[in-house]
């Protein structure tokens, strides 16, 4: 059986988190060719620290993407603990649209990582479907959302909304479209 990696110390975990946040910002704003030193500096760490966590640019891109995916997916349970299921779903949809915007900004860096053999999307659909299904199931159980909704349909709808409203000045339109989508998901809307 392969040995499990030892957990990171608290300071190493903080450094890793700062590196990932800086990488998402840098790749989104400056593209795939942003110097690694620029990312390290923005994270407040040295280049050696960055390379200790992420030995290649592709490893950094993949980890940054997966970290953003984990944040949006993990937020489903957090939102359900704080809000009614329909409100939690609507707030989650906002987060998903923001995630798609970051992913769009990172598109060039993701393409470069894929070209080198990385597969940042390996778990994406399963993780997203699980998060959406958690929200939909809670809404159906509470009698607030229709029980016949396919989580993949929600993901495709949100992807379409993000394409239509990808310009920053279109966020108001995105909010209106998300509200319309949620209205269509409410219990009784399909009757």
N, C-alpha and C. Protein backbone atom coordinates (compact mmCIF):
# COMPACT_ATOMS: atom_id res chain seq x y z
N UNK A 1 0.84 -1.18 0.00
CA UNK A 1 0.00 0.00 0.00
C UNK A 1 0.89 1.25 0.00
N UNK A 2 0.61 2.24 -0.91
CA UNK A 2 1.45 3.43 -0.93
C UNK A 2 1.27 4.24 0.34
N UNK A 3 2.35 4.87 0.74
CA UNK A 3 2.31 5.71 1.94
C UNK A 3 1.48 6.96 1.68
N UNK A 4 0.69 7.33 2.65
CA UNK A 4 -0.12 8.55 2.54
C UNK A 4 0.78 9.75 2.83
N UNK A 5 0.63 10.84 2.04
CA UNK A 5 1.44 12.01 2.34
C UNK A 5 1.08 12.56 3.72
N UNK A 6 2.09 13.04 4.42
CA UNK A 6 1.81 13.58 5.74
C UNK A 6 1.09 14.92 5.59
N UNK A 7 0.21 15.23 6.54
CA UNK A 7 -0.53 16.50 6.46
C UNK A 7 0.43 17.68 6.57
N UNK A 8 0.04 18.77 5.91
CA UNK A 8 0.86 19.97 5.95
C UNK A 8 0.77 20.65 7.31
N UNK A 9 1.88 21.22 7.73
CA UNK A 9 1.85 22.07 8.92
C UNK A 9 0.95 23.26 8.63
N UNK A 10 0.49 23.93 9.66
CA UNK A 10 -0.43 25.06 9.49
C UNK A 10 0.18 26.15 8.63
N UNK A 11 1.47 26.49 8.85
CA UNK A 11 2.09 27.55 8.05
C UNK A 11 2.25 27.13 6.60
N UNK A 12 2.57 25.88 6.36
CA UNK A 12 2.70 25.38 4.99
C UNK A 12 1.34 25.38 4.28
N UNK A 13 0.29 25.02 5.01
CA UNK A 13 -1.06 25.03 4.45
C UNK A 13 -1.48 26.46 4.10
N UNK A 14 -1.15 27.42 4.98
CA UNK A 14 -1.46 28.83 4.68
C UNK A 14 -0.71 29.30 3.45
N UNK A 15 0.56 28.94 3.34
CA UNK A 15 1.35 29.30 2.15
C UNK A 15 0.74 28.71 0.89
N UNK A 16 0.36 27.45 0.97
CA UNK A 16 -0.24 26.78 -0.20
C UNK A 16 -1.53 27.49 -0.60
N UNK A 17 -2.37 27.81 0.37
CA UNK A 17 -3.63 28.50 0.08
C UNK A 17 -3.39 29.87 -0.55
N UNK A 18 -2.41 30.61 -0.03
CA UNK A 18 -2.10 31.93 -0.59
C UNK A 18 -1.57 31.80 -2.02
N UNK A 19 -0.76 30.79 -2.26
CA UNK A 19 -0.23 30.56 -3.60
C UNK A 19 -1.37 30.28 -4.57
N UNK A 20 -2.30 29.42 -4.16
CA UNK A 20 -3.42 29.08 -5.05
C UNK A 20 -4.29 30.29 -5.35
N UNK A 21 -4.57 31.10 -4.34
CA UNK A 21 -5.36 32.32 -4.55
C UNK A 21 -4.64 33.28 -5.50
N UNK A 22 -3.35 33.46 -5.29
CA UNK A 22 -2.57 34.35 -6.15
C UNK A 22 -2.51 33.81 -7.57
N UNK A 23 -2.41 32.49 -7.71
CA UNK A 23 -2.34 31.88 -9.04
C UNK A 23 -3.64 32.08 -9.81
N UNK A 24 -4.77 31.89 -9.17
CA UNK A 24 -6.05 32.10 -9.86
C UNK A 24 -6.15 33.54 -10.34
N UNK A 25 -5.82 34.48 -9.46
CA UNK A 25 -5.86 35.90 -9.86
C UNK A 25 -4.91 36.18 -11.02
N UNK A 26 -3.68 35.69 -10.90
CA UNK A 26 -2.67 35.98 -11.93
C UNK A 26 -3.03 35.34 -13.27
N UNK A 27 -3.41 34.07 -13.26
CA UNK A 27 -3.76 33.42 -14.52
C UNK A 27 -5.00 34.06 -15.14
N UNK A 28 -5.96 34.46 -14.30
CA UNK A 28 -7.18 35.08 -14.80
C UNK A 28 -6.92 36.46 -15.39
N UNK A 29 -6.05 37.23 -14.74
CA UNK A 29 -5.82 38.61 -15.17
C UNK A 29 -4.71 38.75 -16.20
N UNK A 30 -3.68 37.88 -16.11
CA UNK A 30 -2.49 38.08 -16.95
C UNK A 30 -2.23 36.95 -17.94
N UNK A 31 -3.00 35.86 -17.86
CA UNK A 31 -2.85 34.77 -18.81
C UNK A 31 -1.88 33.69 -18.36
N UNK A 32 -1.70 32.71 -19.24
CA UNK A 32 -0.93 31.51 -18.92
C UNK A 32 0.55 31.77 -18.74
N UNK A 33 1.07 32.84 -19.34
CA UNK A 33 2.51 33.08 -19.33
C UNK A 33 2.98 33.95 -18.18
N UNK A 34 2.13 34.22 -17.22
CA UNK A 34 2.55 35.03 -16.08
C UNK A 34 3.74 34.34 -15.40
N UNK A 35 4.78 35.09 -15.11
CA UNK A 35 5.95 34.46 -14.47
C UNK A 35 5.60 33.87 -13.10
N UNK A 36 6.17 32.72 -12.83
CA UNK A 36 5.94 32.05 -11.55
C UNK A 36 6.41 32.95 -10.40
N UNK A 37 7.50 33.67 -10.61
CA UNK A 37 7.99 34.58 -9.57
C UNK A 37 6.95 35.64 -9.21
N UNK A 38 6.17 36.08 -10.20
CA UNK A 38 5.12 37.07 -9.96
C UNK A 38 4.04 36.48 -9.04
N UNK A 39 3.70 35.22 -9.27
CA UNK A 39 2.70 34.55 -8.43
C UNK A 39 3.24 34.38 -7.01
N UNK A 40 4.49 33.95 -6.90
CA UNK A 40 5.09 33.77 -5.58
C UNK A 40 5.10 35.09 -4.81
N UNK A 41 5.50 36.16 -5.49
CA UNK A 41 5.55 37.47 -4.83
C UNK A 41 4.16 37.90 -4.38
N UNK A 42 3.15 37.72 -5.24
CA UNK A 42 1.78 38.09 -4.89
C UNK A 42 1.27 37.29 -3.70
N UNK A 43 1.76 36.06 -3.57
CA UNK A 43 1.35 35.20 -2.44
C UNK A 43 2.16 35.49 -1.18
N UNK A 44 3.21 36.28 -1.31
CA UNK A 44 4.04 36.60 -0.15
C UNK A 44 4.98 35.47 0.24
N UNK A 45 5.38 34.66 -0.75
CA UNK A 45 6.32 33.56 -0.50
C UNK A 45 7.45 33.63 -1.52
N UNK A 46 8.49 32.91 -1.26
CA UNK A 46 9.59 32.82 -2.21
C UNK A 46 9.29 31.80 -3.30
N UNK A 47 10.02 31.90 -4.40
CA UNK A 47 9.83 30.95 -5.50
C UNK A 47 10.09 29.51 -5.06
N UNK A 48 11.07 29.32 -4.17
CA UNK A 48 11.37 27.96 -3.70
C UNK A 48 10.18 27.36 -2.96
N UNK A 49 9.49 28.18 -2.18
CA UNK A 49 8.30 27.70 -1.48
C UNK A 49 7.22 27.30 -2.47
N UNK A 50 7.02 28.13 -3.49
CA UNK A 50 6.02 27.81 -4.51
C UNK A 50 6.38 26.48 -5.18
N UNK A 51 7.63 26.34 -5.60
CA UNK A 51 8.05 25.11 -6.29
C UNK A 51 8.02 23.88 -5.37
N UNK A 52 8.17 24.08 -4.08
CA UNK A 52 8.08 22.96 -3.14
C UNK A 52 6.65 22.39 -3.16
N UNK A 53 5.68 23.28 -3.27
CA UNK A 53 4.28 22.84 -3.32
C UNK A 53 3.86 22.40 -4.73
N UNK A 54 4.36 23.11 -5.74
CA UNK A 54 3.94 22.88 -7.13
C UNK A 54 5.18 22.87 -8.02
N UNK A 55 5.71 21.67 -8.29
CA UNK A 55 6.99 21.58 -8.99
C UNK A 55 6.96 22.07 -10.45
N UNK A 56 5.77 22.15 -11.06
CA UNK A 56 5.67 22.63 -12.44
C UNK A 56 4.53 23.64 -12.55
N UNK A 57 4.58 24.43 -13.60
CA UNK A 57 3.50 25.38 -13.89
C UNK A 57 2.18 24.62 -14.05
N UNK A 58 2.23 23.49 -14.74
CA UNK A 58 1.02 22.70 -14.97
C UNK A 58 0.42 22.20 -13.66
N UNK A 59 1.28 21.80 -12.73
CA UNK A 59 0.79 21.36 -11.42
C UNK A 59 0.11 22.50 -10.68
N UNK A 60 0.65 23.70 -10.82
CA UNK A 60 0.05 24.88 -10.18
C UNK A 60 -1.30 25.21 -10.82
N UNK A 61 -1.37 25.20 -12.15
CA UNK A 61 -2.62 25.50 -12.84
C UNK A 61 -3.69 24.49 -12.44
N UNK A 62 -3.32 23.21 -12.46
CA UNK A 62 -4.29 22.16 -12.11
C UNK A 62 -4.76 22.30 -10.67
N UNK A 63 -3.85 22.56 -9.76
CA UNK A 63 -4.21 22.71 -8.35
C UNK A 63 -5.08 23.95 -8.13
N UNK A 64 -4.77 25.05 -8.82
CA UNK A 64 -5.56 26.28 -8.68
C UNK A 64 -6.98 26.04 -9.17
N UNK A 65 -7.12 25.39 -10.31
CA UNK A 65 -8.45 25.09 -10.84
C UNK A 65 -9.22 24.18 -9.88
N UNK A 66 -8.59 23.11 -9.44
CA UNK A 66 -9.28 22.17 -8.54
C UNK A 66 -9.64 22.81 -7.21
N UNK A 67 -8.80 23.71 -6.74
CA UNK A 67 -9.09 24.42 -5.49
C UNK A 67 -10.34 25.28 -5.64
N UNK A 68 -10.45 25.99 -6.76
CA UNK A 68 -11.64 26.81 -7.01
C UNK A 68 -12.88 25.92 -7.13
N UNK A 69 -12.74 24.81 -7.82
CA UNK A 69 -13.85 23.86 -7.95
C UNK A 69 -14.28 23.35 -6.57
N UNK A 70 -13.32 22.99 -5.74
CA UNK A 70 -13.63 22.50 -4.39
C UNK A 70 -14.35 23.56 -3.57
N UNK A 71 -13.91 24.80 -3.69
CA UNK A 71 -14.57 25.88 -2.93
C UNK A 71 -16.04 26.00 -3.29
N UNK A 72 -16.32 26.02 -4.58
CA UNK A 72 -17.72 26.19 -4.99
C UNK A 72 -18.53 24.96 -4.63
N UNK A 73 -17.98 23.78 -4.81
CA UNK A 73 -18.73 22.55 -4.49
C UNK A 73 -18.95 22.41 -2.99
N UNK A 74 -17.92 22.67 -2.21
CA UNK A 74 -18.04 22.54 -0.75
C UNK A 74 -18.98 23.57 -0.15
N UNK A 75 -19.19 24.66 -0.84
CA UNK A 75 -20.05 25.70 -0.28
C UNK A 75 -21.52 25.28 -0.26
N UNK A 76 -21.90 24.26 -1.01
CA UNK A 76 -23.30 23.82 -1.02
C UNK A 76 -23.76 23.43 0.39
N UNK A 77 -22.99 22.59 1.05
CA UNK A 77 -23.35 22.15 2.40
C UNK A 77 -23.35 23.32 3.39
N UNK A 78 -22.36 24.20 3.25
CA UNK A 78 -22.29 25.37 4.13
C UNK A 78 -23.52 26.26 3.97
N UNK A 79 -23.91 26.50 2.73
CA UNK A 79 -25.08 27.35 2.48
C UNK A 79 -26.36 26.71 3.02
N UNK A 80 -26.47 25.39 2.86
CA UNK A 80 -27.67 24.70 3.37
C UNK A 80 -27.76 24.77 4.89
N UNK A 81 -26.63 24.88 5.56
CA UNK A 81 -26.69 24.97 7.01
C UNK A 81 -27.12 26.36 7.48
N UNK A 82 -26.99 27.36 6.61
CA UNK A 82 -27.31 28.74 6.99
C UNK A 82 -28.59 29.31 6.39
N UNK A 83 -29.11 28.67 5.33
CA UNK A 83 -30.25 29.24 4.60
C UNK A 83 -31.25 28.15 4.22
N UNK A 84 -32.50 28.56 3.94
CA UNK A 84 -33.45 27.59 3.40
C UNK A 84 -32.92 27.08 2.05
N UNK A 85 -33.30 25.86 1.65
CA UNK A 85 -32.71 25.26 0.46
C UNK A 85 -32.84 26.08 -0.83
N UNK A 86 -33.98 26.74 -1.04
CA UNK A 86 -34.10 27.52 -2.27
C UNK A 86 -33.16 28.72 -2.26
N UNK A 87 -33.02 29.37 -1.13
CA UNK A 87 -32.09 30.51 -1.00
C UNK A 87 -30.64 30.03 -1.11
N UNK A 88 -30.35 28.87 -0.50
CA UNK A 88 -29.00 28.29 -0.58
C UNK A 88 -28.64 27.99 -2.04
N UNK A 89 -29.60 27.45 -2.79
CA UNK A 89 -29.36 27.16 -4.21
C UNK A 89 -29.08 28.44 -4.98
N UNK A 90 -29.85 29.48 -4.72
CA UNK A 90 -29.65 30.75 -5.45
C UNK A 90 -28.29 31.35 -5.12
N UNK A 91 -27.89 31.31 -3.87
CA UNK A 91 -26.57 31.82 -3.48
C UNK A 91 -25.46 30.97 -4.09
N UNK A 92 -25.68 29.66 -4.13
CA UNK A 92 -24.70 28.77 -4.74
C UNK A 92 -24.56 29.07 -6.23
N UNK A 93 -25.68 29.36 -6.89
CA UNK A 93 -25.61 29.69 -8.31
C UNK A 93 -24.75 30.93 -8.54
N UNK A 94 -24.85 31.92 -7.66
CA UNK A 94 -23.98 33.10 -7.76
C UNK A 94 -22.51 32.68 -7.68
N UNK A 95 -22.20 31.82 -6.74
CA UNK A 95 -20.82 31.36 -6.58
C UNK A 95 -20.35 30.59 -7.80
N UNK A 96 -21.25 29.80 -8.37
CA UNK A 96 -20.89 29.02 -9.55
C UNK A 96 -20.60 29.94 -10.74
N UNK A 97 -21.41 30.97 -10.90
CA UNK A 97 -21.17 31.94 -11.99
C UNK A 97 -19.81 32.61 -11.79
N UNK A 98 -19.47 32.97 -10.55
CA UNK A 98 -18.15 33.56 -10.26
C UNK A 98 -17.04 32.56 -10.57
N UNK A 99 -17.26 31.30 -10.22
CA UNK A 99 -16.28 30.24 -10.51
C UNK A 99 -16.08 30.12 -12.02
N UNK A 100 -17.18 30.15 -12.79
CA UNK A 100 -17.05 30.05 -14.24
C UNK A 100 -16.30 31.24 -14.81
N UNK A 101 -16.51 32.41 -14.24
CA UNK A 101 -15.78 33.59 -14.70
C UNK A 101 -14.28 33.42 -14.44
N UNK A 102 -13.91 32.90 -13.27
CA UNK A 102 -12.49 32.66 -12.97
C UNK A 102 -11.93 31.60 -13.90
N UNK A 103 -12.72 30.56 -14.16
CA UNK A 103 -12.28 29.49 -15.06
C UNK A 103 -12.08 30.05 -16.46
N UNK A 104 -12.97 30.92 -16.89
CA UNK A 104 -12.85 31.53 -18.22
C UNK A 104 -11.57 32.36 -18.29
N UNK A 105 -11.28 33.09 -17.22
CA UNK A 105 -10.05 33.86 -17.18
C UNK A 105 -8.82 32.99 -17.19
N UNK A 106 -8.94 31.77 -16.66
CA UNK A 106 -7.82 30.84 -16.61
C UNK A 106 -7.76 29.93 -17.83
N UNK A 107 -8.64 30.13 -18.81
CA UNK A 107 -8.76 29.21 -19.94
C UNK A 107 -7.43 28.95 -20.64
N UNK A 108 -6.68 29.99 -20.89
CA UNK A 108 -5.40 29.84 -21.58
C UNK A 108 -4.44 28.97 -20.77
N UNK A 109 -4.37 29.23 -19.48
CA UNK A 109 -3.49 28.44 -18.61
C UNK A 109 -3.97 26.99 -18.52
N UNK A 110 -5.28 26.77 -18.48
CA UNK A 110 -5.82 25.42 -18.44
C UNK A 110 -5.51 24.67 -19.73
N UNK A 111 -5.66 25.35 -20.88
CA UNK A 111 -5.33 24.70 -22.17
C UNK A 111 -3.86 24.29 -22.20
N UNK A 112 -2.98 25.15 -21.71
CA UNK A 112 -1.55 24.82 -21.67
C UNK A 112 -1.29 23.62 -20.77
N UNK A 113 -1.97 23.56 -19.63
CA UNK A 113 -1.80 22.42 -18.72
C UNK A 113 -2.29 21.13 -19.37
N UNK A 114 -3.41 21.19 -20.06
CA UNK A 114 -3.96 20.01 -20.72
C UNK A 114 -3.03 19.54 -21.83
N UNK A 115 -2.47 20.49 -22.58
CA UNK A 115 -1.54 20.15 -23.66
C UNK A 115 -0.31 19.42 -23.14
N UNK A 116 0.04 19.67 -21.88
CA UNK A 116 1.22 19.01 -21.30
C UNK A 116 0.86 17.67 -20.65
N UNK A 117 -0.40 17.29 -20.70
CA UNK A 117 -0.81 15.99 -20.17
C UNK A 117 -1.60 16.02 -18.88
N UNK A 118 -1.78 17.18 -18.29
CA UNK A 118 -2.57 17.28 -17.05
C UNK A 118 -4.06 17.13 -17.37
N UNK A 119 -4.84 16.74 -16.40
CA UNK A 119 -6.28 16.61 -16.57
C UNK A 119 -7.00 17.29 -15.41
N UNK A 120 -7.06 18.62 -15.42
CA UNK A 120 -7.69 19.32 -14.29
C UNK A 120 -9.18 19.06 -14.18
N UNK A 121 -9.81 18.58 -15.24
CA UNK A 121 -11.26 18.40 -15.24
C UNK A 121 -11.70 16.99 -14.85
N UNK A 122 -10.78 16.13 -14.46
CA UNK A 122 -11.08 14.72 -14.21
C UNK A 122 -12.26 14.51 -13.27
N UNK A 123 -12.38 15.31 -12.24
CA UNK A 123 -13.43 15.09 -11.24
C UNK A 123 -14.52 16.15 -11.30
N UNK A 124 -14.43 17.07 -12.22
CA UNK A 124 -15.31 18.24 -12.23
C UNK A 124 -16.79 17.88 -12.26
N UNK A 125 -17.20 17.11 -13.25
CA UNK A 125 -18.63 16.83 -13.42
C UNK A 125 -19.21 16.11 -12.21
N UNK A 126 -18.50 15.13 -11.68
CA UNK A 126 -18.99 14.40 -10.50
C UNK A 126 -19.13 15.33 -9.30
N UNK A 127 -18.12 16.15 -9.06
CA UNK A 127 -18.17 17.06 -7.90
C UNK A 127 -19.30 18.06 -8.03
N UNK A 128 -19.43 18.64 -9.23
CA UNK A 128 -20.50 19.63 -9.44
C UNK A 128 -21.87 18.99 -9.35
N UNK A 129 -22.03 17.83 -9.95
CA UNK A 129 -23.33 17.14 -9.89
C UNK A 129 -23.71 16.80 -8.46
N UNK A 130 -22.73 16.37 -7.67
CA UNK A 130 -22.99 16.06 -6.26
C UNK A 130 -23.44 17.30 -5.51
N UNK A 131 -22.75 18.42 -5.73
CA UNK A 131 -23.12 19.67 -5.04
C UNK A 131 -24.53 20.11 -5.41
N UNK A 132 -24.82 20.12 -6.71
CA UNK A 132 -26.15 20.56 -7.16
C UNK A 132 -27.21 19.58 -6.66
N UNK A 133 -26.93 18.30 -6.73
CA UNK A 133 -27.89 17.30 -6.27
C UNK A 133 -28.20 17.46 -4.78
N UNK A 134 -27.18 17.79 -4.00
CA UNK A 134 -27.37 18.03 -2.56
C UNK A 134 -28.36 19.18 -2.35
N UNK A 135 -28.17 20.26 -3.09
CA UNK A 135 -29.06 21.42 -2.97
C UNK A 135 -30.47 21.10 -3.46
N UNK A 136 -30.57 20.41 -4.60
CA UNK A 136 -31.89 20.07 -5.15
C UNK A 136 -32.65 19.12 -4.23
N UNK A 137 -31.94 18.12 -3.72
CA UNK A 137 -32.58 17.16 -2.83
C UNK A 137 -33.12 17.84 -1.57
N UNK A 138 -32.32 18.72 -1.00
CA UNK A 138 -32.77 19.45 0.20
C UNK A 138 -33.99 20.30 -0.12
N UNK A 139 -34.00 20.93 -1.29
CA UNK A 139 -35.14 21.75 -1.70
C UNK A 139 -36.39 20.93 -1.93
N UNK A 140 -36.22 19.75 -2.54
CA UNK A 140 -37.37 18.87 -2.77
C UNK A 140 -37.90 18.33 -1.45
N UNK A 141 -37.00 17.94 -0.56
CA UNK A 141 -37.41 17.43 0.76
C UNK A 141 -38.18 18.49 1.55
N UNK A 142 -37.82 19.74 1.38
CA UNK A 142 -38.49 20.83 2.09
C UNK A 142 -39.76 21.29 1.37
N UNK A 143 -40.04 20.69 0.20
CA UNK A 143 -41.22 21.07 -0.57
C UNK A 143 -41.07 22.41 -1.28
N UNK A 144 -39.84 22.87 -1.44
CA UNK A 144 -39.60 24.17 -2.07
C UNK A 144 -39.19 24.07 -3.54
N UNK A 145 -38.55 22.95 -3.91
CA UNK A 145 -38.07 22.77 -5.27
C UNK A 145 -38.64 21.49 -5.86
N UNK A 146 -38.80 21.50 -7.17
CA UNK A 146 -39.32 20.33 -7.87
C UNK A 146 -38.40 19.14 -7.66
N UNK A 147 -38.97 17.94 -7.53
CA UNK A 147 -38.15 16.76 -7.29
C UNK A 147 -37.62 16.10 -8.57
N UNK A 148 -37.99 16.60 -9.74
CA UNK A 148 -37.67 15.95 -11.01
C UNK A 148 -36.55 16.64 -11.79
N UNK A 149 -35.67 17.34 -11.12
CA UNK A 149 -34.65 18.14 -11.80
C UNK A 149 -33.34 17.35 -11.88
N UNK A 150 -32.75 17.34 -13.06
CA UNK A 150 -31.46 16.69 -13.28
C UNK A 150 -30.36 17.70 -12.98
N UNK A 151 -29.42 17.38 -12.08
CA UNK A 151 -28.35 18.32 -11.74
C UNK A 151 -27.52 18.76 -12.96
N UNK A 152 -27.36 17.88 -13.93
CA UNK A 152 -26.61 18.24 -15.13
C UNK A 152 -27.32 19.35 -15.89
N UNK A 153 -28.66 19.32 -15.91
CA UNK A 153 -29.41 20.39 -16.57
C UNK A 153 -29.15 21.74 -15.91
N UNK A 154 -29.01 21.74 -14.59
CA UNK A 154 -28.72 22.98 -13.88
C UNK A 154 -27.33 23.47 -14.27
N UNK A 155 -26.36 22.58 -14.30
CA UNK A 155 -25.00 22.95 -14.69
C UNK A 155 -24.95 23.52 -16.09
N UNK A 156 -25.66 22.89 -17.02
CA UNK A 156 -25.69 23.40 -18.39
C UNK A 156 -26.39 24.76 -18.46
N UNK A 157 -27.45 24.92 -17.71
CA UNK A 157 -28.15 26.22 -17.68
C UNK A 157 -27.24 27.31 -17.15
N UNK A 158 -26.53 27.00 -16.08
CA UNK A 158 -25.63 27.99 -15.49
C UNK A 158 -24.47 28.31 -16.42
N UNK A 159 -23.98 27.31 -17.12
CA UNK A 159 -22.91 27.54 -18.09
C UNK A 159 -23.39 28.47 -19.20
N UNK A 160 -24.61 28.24 -19.67
CA UNK A 160 -25.19 29.11 -20.70
C UNK A 160 -25.35 30.54 -20.21
N UNK A 161 -25.84 30.68 -19.00
CA UNK A 161 -25.99 32.03 -18.42
C UNK A 161 -24.64 32.71 -18.33
N UNK A 162 -23.62 31.97 -17.92
CA UNK A 162 -22.30 32.59 -17.78
C UNK A 162 -21.74 33.02 -19.13
N UNK A 163 -22.03 32.28 -20.19
CA UNK A 163 -21.56 32.67 -21.53
C UNK A 163 -22.24 33.95 -22.00
N UNK A 164 -23.52 34.02 -21.75
CA UNK A 164 -24.30 35.18 -22.19
C UNK A 164 -23.89 36.43 -21.42
N UNK A 165 -23.54 36.25 -20.17
CA UNK A 165 -23.31 37.40 -19.29
C UNK A 165 -21.86 37.50 -18.83
N UNK A 166 -20.92 37.07 -19.67
CA UNK A 166 -19.52 37.05 -19.24
C UNK A 166 -18.90 38.44 -19.08
N UNK A 167 -19.45 39.45 -19.71
CA UNK A 167 -18.92 40.80 -19.54
C UNK A 167 -19.30 41.33 -18.16
N UNK A 168 -18.38 42.05 -17.49
CA UNK A 168 -18.67 42.54 -16.13
C UNK A 168 -19.92 43.41 -16.06
N UNK A 169 -20.23 44.14 -17.13
CA UNK A 169 -21.40 45.00 -17.09
C UNK A 169 -22.71 44.23 -17.28
N UNK A 170 -22.61 42.92 -17.43
CA UNK A 170 -23.80 42.08 -17.62
C UNK A 170 -24.19 41.31 -16.36
N UNK A 171 -23.57 41.60 -15.23
CA UNK A 171 -23.88 40.86 -14.01
C UNK A 171 -25.35 41.03 -13.61
N UNK A 172 -25.92 42.20 -13.84
CA UNK A 172 -27.33 42.40 -13.53
C UNK A 172 -28.21 41.47 -14.35
N UNK A 173 -27.85 41.29 -15.61
CA UNK A 173 -28.60 40.36 -16.46
C UNK A 173 -28.44 38.94 -15.93
N UNK A 174 -27.25 38.58 -15.51
CA UNK A 174 -27.03 37.25 -14.94
C UNK A 174 -27.91 37.03 -13.73
N UNK A 175 -28.00 38.04 -12.86
CA UNK A 175 -28.85 37.92 -11.67
C UNK A 175 -30.31 37.70 -12.06
N UNK A 176 -30.78 38.43 -13.05
CA UNK A 176 -32.18 38.25 -13.49
C UNK A 176 -32.39 36.85 -14.07
N UNK A 177 -31.44 36.37 -14.86
CA UNK A 177 -31.57 35.03 -15.44
C UNK A 177 -31.49 33.94 -14.36
N UNK A 178 -30.66 34.14 -13.36
CA UNK A 178 -30.59 33.17 -12.26
C UNK A 178 -31.89 33.15 -11.47
N UNK A 179 -32.49 34.32 -11.27
CA UNK A 179 -33.79 34.38 -10.59
C UNK A 179 -34.86 33.66 -11.41
N UNK A 180 -34.84 33.84 -12.73
CA UNK A 180 -35.80 33.14 -13.59
C UNK A 180 -35.59 31.63 -13.53
N UNK A 181 -34.34 31.20 -13.55
CA UNK A 181 -34.04 29.78 -13.45
C UNK A 181 -34.56 29.22 -12.14
N UNK A 182 -34.29 29.90 -11.04
CA UNK A 182 -34.76 29.42 -9.74
C UNK A 182 -36.29 29.37 -9.69
N UNK A 183 -36.95 30.38 -10.25
CA UNK A 183 -38.42 30.36 -10.29
C UNK A 183 -38.93 29.12 -11.02
N UNK A 184 -38.24 28.71 -12.09
CA UNK A 184 -38.63 27.51 -12.82
C UNK A 184 -38.37 26.22 -12.05
N UNK A 185 -37.52 26.27 -11.06
CA UNK A 185 -37.18 25.10 -10.26
C UNK A 185 -38.07 24.95 -9.04
N UNK A 186 -38.81 25.98 -8.72
CA UNK A 186 -39.65 25.93 -7.52
C UNK A 186 -40.76 24.90 -7.68
N UNK A 187 -41.12 24.32 -6.56
CA UNK A 187 -42.19 23.30 -6.54
C UNK A 187 -43.47 23.91 -7.10
N UNK A 188 -44.11 23.19 -8.00
CA UNK A 188 -45.35 23.67 -8.61
C UNK A 188 -45.11 24.38 -9.92
N UNK A 189 -43.85 24.77 -10.21
CA UNK A 189 -43.57 25.51 -11.43
C UNK A 189 -43.71 24.62 -12.67
N UNK A 190 -43.51 23.32 -12.52
CA UNK A 190 -43.59 22.42 -13.67
C UNK A 190 -44.98 21.93 -13.94
N UNK A 191 -45.97 22.41 -13.23
CA UNK A 191 -47.35 21.91 -13.39
C UNK A 191 -48.18 22.84 -14.20
